[in-house]
């Protein structure tokens, strides 16, 4: 699904060029659950943002099914993101004055779906994350774990091919983090979603089918592993 070829990203700080990514090459198959790990400043989020079309590389290619998304115009890139990418953030990014259903519906407002079709998709997405009974609740009426599940429903409501998650358990307690990671694993294993996740938490990373470690913008090692369910079996 994704091929990164000699991907380099430089940031300018004063008179100095800082290397965030240094000639990273990587292949990600459809249906993978990839965990990106590494210390702060290692380039994890930069790599995630380039794969998701939020940022552009300084050089190299980011190929999604053979299309170099980094070469798309801003308009074409925005359309590509809306059709192919679902985003999950550490801070939930829910609109506080909107209900759970209204928050989940936001990405669908950019489509040509009728209101009834949008409502069906919203209800289905919230049912998938176990919150169909919280449709009319505001974010302040939900727990942190429930807020993140609403954010996951918003990420998947457009049925994206790739879900990217940036520290999805960073603001959660251990129990809520376990629930959220179990949900992501279900989306991957049962619904076939390709997931790329940045995390500092080795417990969260264990839910991935593969781990990548970044250090100073370079890939260190690539580890395929059994999922927690498979390991228990």
Protein backbone atom coordinates (compact mmCIF):
# COMPACT_ATOMS: atom_id res chain seq x y z
CA UNK A 1 0.00 0.00 0.00
CA UNK A 2 2.74 2.48 1.00
CA UNK A 3 6.30 2.78 -0.24
CA UNK A 4 8.64 5.39 1.20
CA UNK A 5 11.76 5.82 -0.94
CA UNK A 6 14.83 7.63 0.40
CA UNK A 7 12.59 9.98 2.34
CA UNK A 8 14.39 12.99 3.83
CA UNK A 9 12.92 15.90 5.78
CA UNK A 10 14.91 18.98 6.79
CA UNK A 11 13.72 21.82 9.01
CA UNK A 12 15.36 25.22 9.10
CA UNK A 13 16.24 26.55 12.55
CA UNK A 14 17.95 29.90 12.17
CA UNK A 15 20.99 29.29 9.97
CA UNK A 16 21.01 25.54 10.60
CA UNK A 17 19.26 22.71 8.75
CA UNK A 18 17.96 20.09 11.20
CA UNK A 19 17.45 16.59 9.79
CA UNK A 20 14.15 15.11 10.99
CA UNK A 21 14.26 12.13 8.59
CA UNK A 22 17.38 10.80 6.91
CA UNK A 23 16.79 8.73 3.72
CA UNK A 24 14.09 6.54 5.20
CA UNK A 25 12.87 3.70 2.96
CA UNK A 26 9.94 1.56 4.05
CA UNK A 27 7.24 -0.70 2.60
CA UNK A 28 3.88 -1.11 4.36
CA UNK A 29 1.47 -3.81 3.21
CA UNK A 30 -2.29 -3.43 3.20
CA UNK A 31 -3.74 -4.75 6.46
CA UNK A 32 -0.65 -4.12 8.59
CA UNK A 33 -0.73 -2.56 12.05
CA UNK A 34 2.60 -0.74 12.26
CA UNK A 35 3.87 0.78 15.51
CA UNK A 36 6.47 3.56 15.19
CA UNK A 37 8.59 3.97 18.31
CA UNK A 38 11.56 6.08 19.36
CA UNK A 39 12.55 8.94 21.67
CA UNK A 40 11.19 12.47 21.37
CA UNK A 41 12.66 14.22 18.36
CA UNK A 42 13.42 10.96 16.54
CA UNK A 43 11.18 11.82 13.57
CA UNK A 44 8.22 9.54 14.33
CA UNK A 45 5.50 12.15 13.99
CA UNK A 46 7.19 13.70 10.97
CA UNK A 47 7.17 10.32 9.23
CA UNK A 48 3.52 9.80 10.17
CA UNK A 49 2.53 13.24 8.90
CA UNK A 50 4.24 12.71 5.54
CA UNK A 51 2.52 9.34 5.09
CA UNK A 52 -0.81 11.00 5.86
CA UNK A 53 -0.25 13.92 3.49
CA UNK A 54 -0.13 16.50 6.30
CA UNK A 55 3.52 17.36 5.58
CA UNK A 56 5.79 17.06 2.56
CA UNK A 57 9.32 15.61 2.41
CA UNK A 58 12.34 17.67 1.43
CA UNK A 59 13.35 14.87 -0.94
CA UNK A 60 12.40 11.28 -1.72
CA UNK A 61 9.04 9.75 -2.51
CA UNK A 62 5.93 8.84 -0.54
CA UNK A 63 4.00 6.43 -2.75
CA UNK A 64 0.44 5.41 -1.91
CA UNK A 65 -0.65 2.65 -4.30
CA UNK A 66 1.94 3.95 -6.73
CA UNK A 67 0.95 7.63 -6.53
CA UNK A 68 3.54 10.05 -5.11
CA UNK A 69 1.26 12.03 -2.81
CA UNK A 70 4.02 14.54 -2.04
CA UNK A 71 3.76 15.77 -5.63
CA UNK A 72 0.02 16.48 -5.48
CA UNK A 73 -1.26 20.05 -5.45
CA UNK A 74 -2.71 21.34 -2.18
CA UNK A 75 -6.25 20.91 -3.52
CA UNK A 76 -5.60 17.39 -4.80
CA UNK A 77 -3.81 16.49 -1.56
CA UNK A 78 -6.75 17.66 0.56
CA UNK A 79 -9.13 15.56 -1.55
CA UNK A 80 -6.79 12.56 -1.31
CA UNK A 81 -6.64 12.85 2.49
CA UNK A 82 -10.43 13.07 2.79
CA UNK A 83 -10.88 9.88 0.73
CA UNK A 84 -8.05 7.71 2.02
CA UNK A 85 -6.90 8.81 5.49
CA UNK A 86 -8.41 8.72 8.97
CA UNK A 87 -6.69 10.69 11.75
CA UNK A 88 -6.51 9.91 15.48
CA UNK A 89 -4.75 12.43 17.72
CA UNK A 90 -3.47 12.33 21.29
CA UNK A 91 -5.61 15.30 22.34
CA UNK A 92 -8.88 13.99 20.79
CA UNK A 93 -9.56 17.34 19.03
CA UNK A 94 -13.30 17.14 19.58
CA UNK A 95 -15.40 20.30 19.23
CA UNK A 96 -16.66 20.93 22.80
CA UNK A 97 -20.02 22.46 21.80
CA UNK A 98 -20.89 19.61 19.43
CA UNK A 99 -22.35 16.23 20.39
CA UNK A 100 -20.53 12.96 19.80
CA UNK A 101 -22.62 12.38 16.67
CA UNK A 102 -21.94 15.87 15.34
CA UNK A 103 -18.21 15.47 15.91
CA UNK A 104 -18.16 12.15 14.09
CA UNK A 105 -20.18 13.61 11.22
CA UNK A 106 -17.68 16.42 10.51
CA UNK A 107 -15.59 14.59 7.85
CA UNK A 108 -18.78 13.57 6.04
CA UNK A 109 -19.82 17.20 5.56
CA UNK A 110 -17.15 17.39 2.86
CA UNK A 111 -18.83 14.60 0.90
CA UNK A 112 -21.94 14.53 -1.27
CA UNK A 113 -23.80 12.15 1.03
CA UNK A 114 -27.38 12.98 1.95
CA UNK A 115 -28.18 13.78 5.58
CA UNK A 116 -29.83 10.37 6.05
CA UNK A 117 -26.74 8.60 4.68
CA UNK A 118 -24.48 10.62 6.94
CA UNK A 119 -26.63 9.74 9.94
CA UNK A 120 -26.45 6.02 9.13
CA UNK A 121 -22.66 6.15 8.84
CA UNK A 122 -22.32 8.09 12.09
CA UNK A 123 -24.48 5.62 13.99
CA UNK A 124 -22.58 2.68 12.52
CA UNK A 125 -19.18 4.20 13.43
CA UNK A 126 -20.26 4.95 17.00
CA UNK A 127 -21.70 1.45 17.31
CA UNK A 128 -18.35 0.00 16.21
CA UNK A 129 -16.58 1.85 19.03
CA UNK A 130 -19.28 0.92 21.57
CA UNK A 131 -20.81 4.37 21.97
CA UNK A 132 -24.08 4.28 20.07
CA UNK A 133 -25.84 5.19 23.34
CA UNK A 134 -23.75 8.38 23.62
CA UNK A 135 -24.86 10.00 20.34
CA UNK A 136 -26.15 13.19 21.98
CA UNK A 137 -23.51 13.53 24.68
CA UNK A 138 -21.10 16.47 24.63
CA UNK A 139 -17.36 15.78 25.09
CA UNK A 140 -17.45 17.13 28.67
CA UNK A 141 -20.05 14.47 29.49
CA UNK A 142 -17.69 11.68 28.41
CA UNK A 143 -14.63 10.09 30.01
CA UNK A 144 -11.22 10.47 28.37
CA UNK A 145 -11.44 6.95 26.98
CA UNK A 146 -14.89 7.63 25.57
CA UNK A 147 -13.68 10.87 23.98
CA UNK A 148 -10.89 8.99 22.24
CA UNK A 149 -13.36 6.37 21.02
CA UNK A 150 -15.48 9.18 19.55
CA UNK A 151 -12.31 10.45 17.86
CA UNK A 152 -11.70 6.96 16.46
CA UNK A 153 -15.29 6.84 15.17
CA UNK A 154 -14.69 10.18 13.46
CA UNK A 155 -11.49 8.78 11.89
CA UNK A 156 -13.21 5.72 10.44
CA UNK A 157 -16.62 7.18 9.47
CA UNK A 158 -15.44 7.85 5.89
CA UNK A 159 -14.19 4.24 5.61
CA UNK A 160 -10.55 5.26 4.98
CA UNK A 161 -7.93 2.85 3.67
CA UNK A 162 -5.28 4.05 6.12
CA UNK A 163 -5.74 5.07 9.77
CA UNK A 164 -2.89 7.07 11.32
CA UNK A 165 -2.73 7.46 15.10
CA UNK A 166 -0.35 9.86 16.86
CA UNK A 167 0.08 8.80 20.52
CA UNK A 168 -3.57 7.66 20.77
CA UNK A 169 -3.17 6.55 24.42
CA UNK A 170 -0.96 9.45 25.55
CA UNK A 171 -3.71 11.18 27.58
CA UNK A 172 -5.42 8.06 28.90
CA UNK A 173 -5.23 6.02 32.09
CA UNK A 174 -4.09 2.40 31.82
CA UNK A 175 -7.62 0.94 31.64
CA UNK A 176 -8.81 3.37 28.96
CA UNK A 177 -5.57 2.88 27.02
CA UNK A 178 -6.13 -0.89 27.03
CA UNK A 179 -9.69 -0.42 25.73
CA UNK A 180 -8.60 1.95 22.96
CA UNK A 181 -5.78 -0.33 21.84
CA UNK A 182 -8.15 -3.29 21.83
CA UNK A 183 -10.48 -1.31 19.61
CA UNK A 184 -7.67 -0.43 17.18
CA UNK A 185 -6.65 -4.09 17.08
CA UNK A 186 -10.24 -5.06 16.25
CA UNK A 187 -10.38 -2.47 13.45
CA UNK A 188 -7.19 -3.99 12.07
CA UNK A 189 -7.93 -7.69 12.51
CA UNK A 190 -11.70 -7.80 11.96
CA UNK A 191 -12.30 -4.87 9.64
CA UNK A 192 -9.01 -4.99 7.74
CA UNK A 193 -7.92 -1.42 8.42
CA UNK A 194 -4.28 -0.59 7.78
CA UNK A 195 -3.02 1.30 10.83
CA UNK A 196 0.19 3.25 11.40
CA UNK A 197 0.61 4.39 15.01
CA UNK A 198 3.21 6.53 16.75
CA UNK A 199 3.62 5.66 20.43
CA UNK A 200 6.04 5.97 23.35
CA UNK A 201 4.26 3.16 25.18
CA UNK A 202 5.75 -0.32 24.61
CA UNK A 203 2.50 -1.87 25.87
CA UNK A 204 0.57 -0.09 23.13
CA UNK A 205 3.20 -1.07 20.55
CA UNK A 206 2.65 -4.73 21.37
CA UNK A 207 -0.75 -4.52 19.67
CA UNK A 208 0.95 -3.87 16.34
CA UNK A 209 1.89 -6.61 13.91
CA UNK A 210 5.21 -4.87 13.31
CA UNK A 211 7.39 -2.37 15.17
CA UNK A 212 9.75 0.20 13.72
CA UNK A 213 12.23 2.16 15.82
CA UNK A 214 13.50 5.57 14.79
CA UNK A 215 16.61 7.20 16.19
CA UNK A 216 17.67 10.64 14.98
CA UNK A 217 15.65 10.28 11.81
CA UNK A 218 16.98 6.83 10.86
CA UNK A 219 15.27 3.44 11.03
CA UNK A 220 17.01 1.22 13.59
CA UNK A 221 15.31 -2.14 13.28
CA UNK A 222 12.15 -3.72 11.99
CA UNK A 223 10.38 -6.28 14.16
CA UNK A 224 7.47 -8.47 13.07
CA UNK A 225 5.57 -9.93 15.98
CA UNK A 226 2.51 -11.85 17.02
CA UNK A 227 -0.45 -9.81 18.24
CA UNK A 228 -1.29 -10.00 21.99
CA UNK A 229 -4.15 -12.39 21.18
CA UNK A 230 -1.89 -14.60 19.11
CA UNK A 231 0.81 -14.53 21.78
CA UNK A 232 -1.68 -15.66 24.44
CA UNK A 233 -2.83 -18.49 22.17
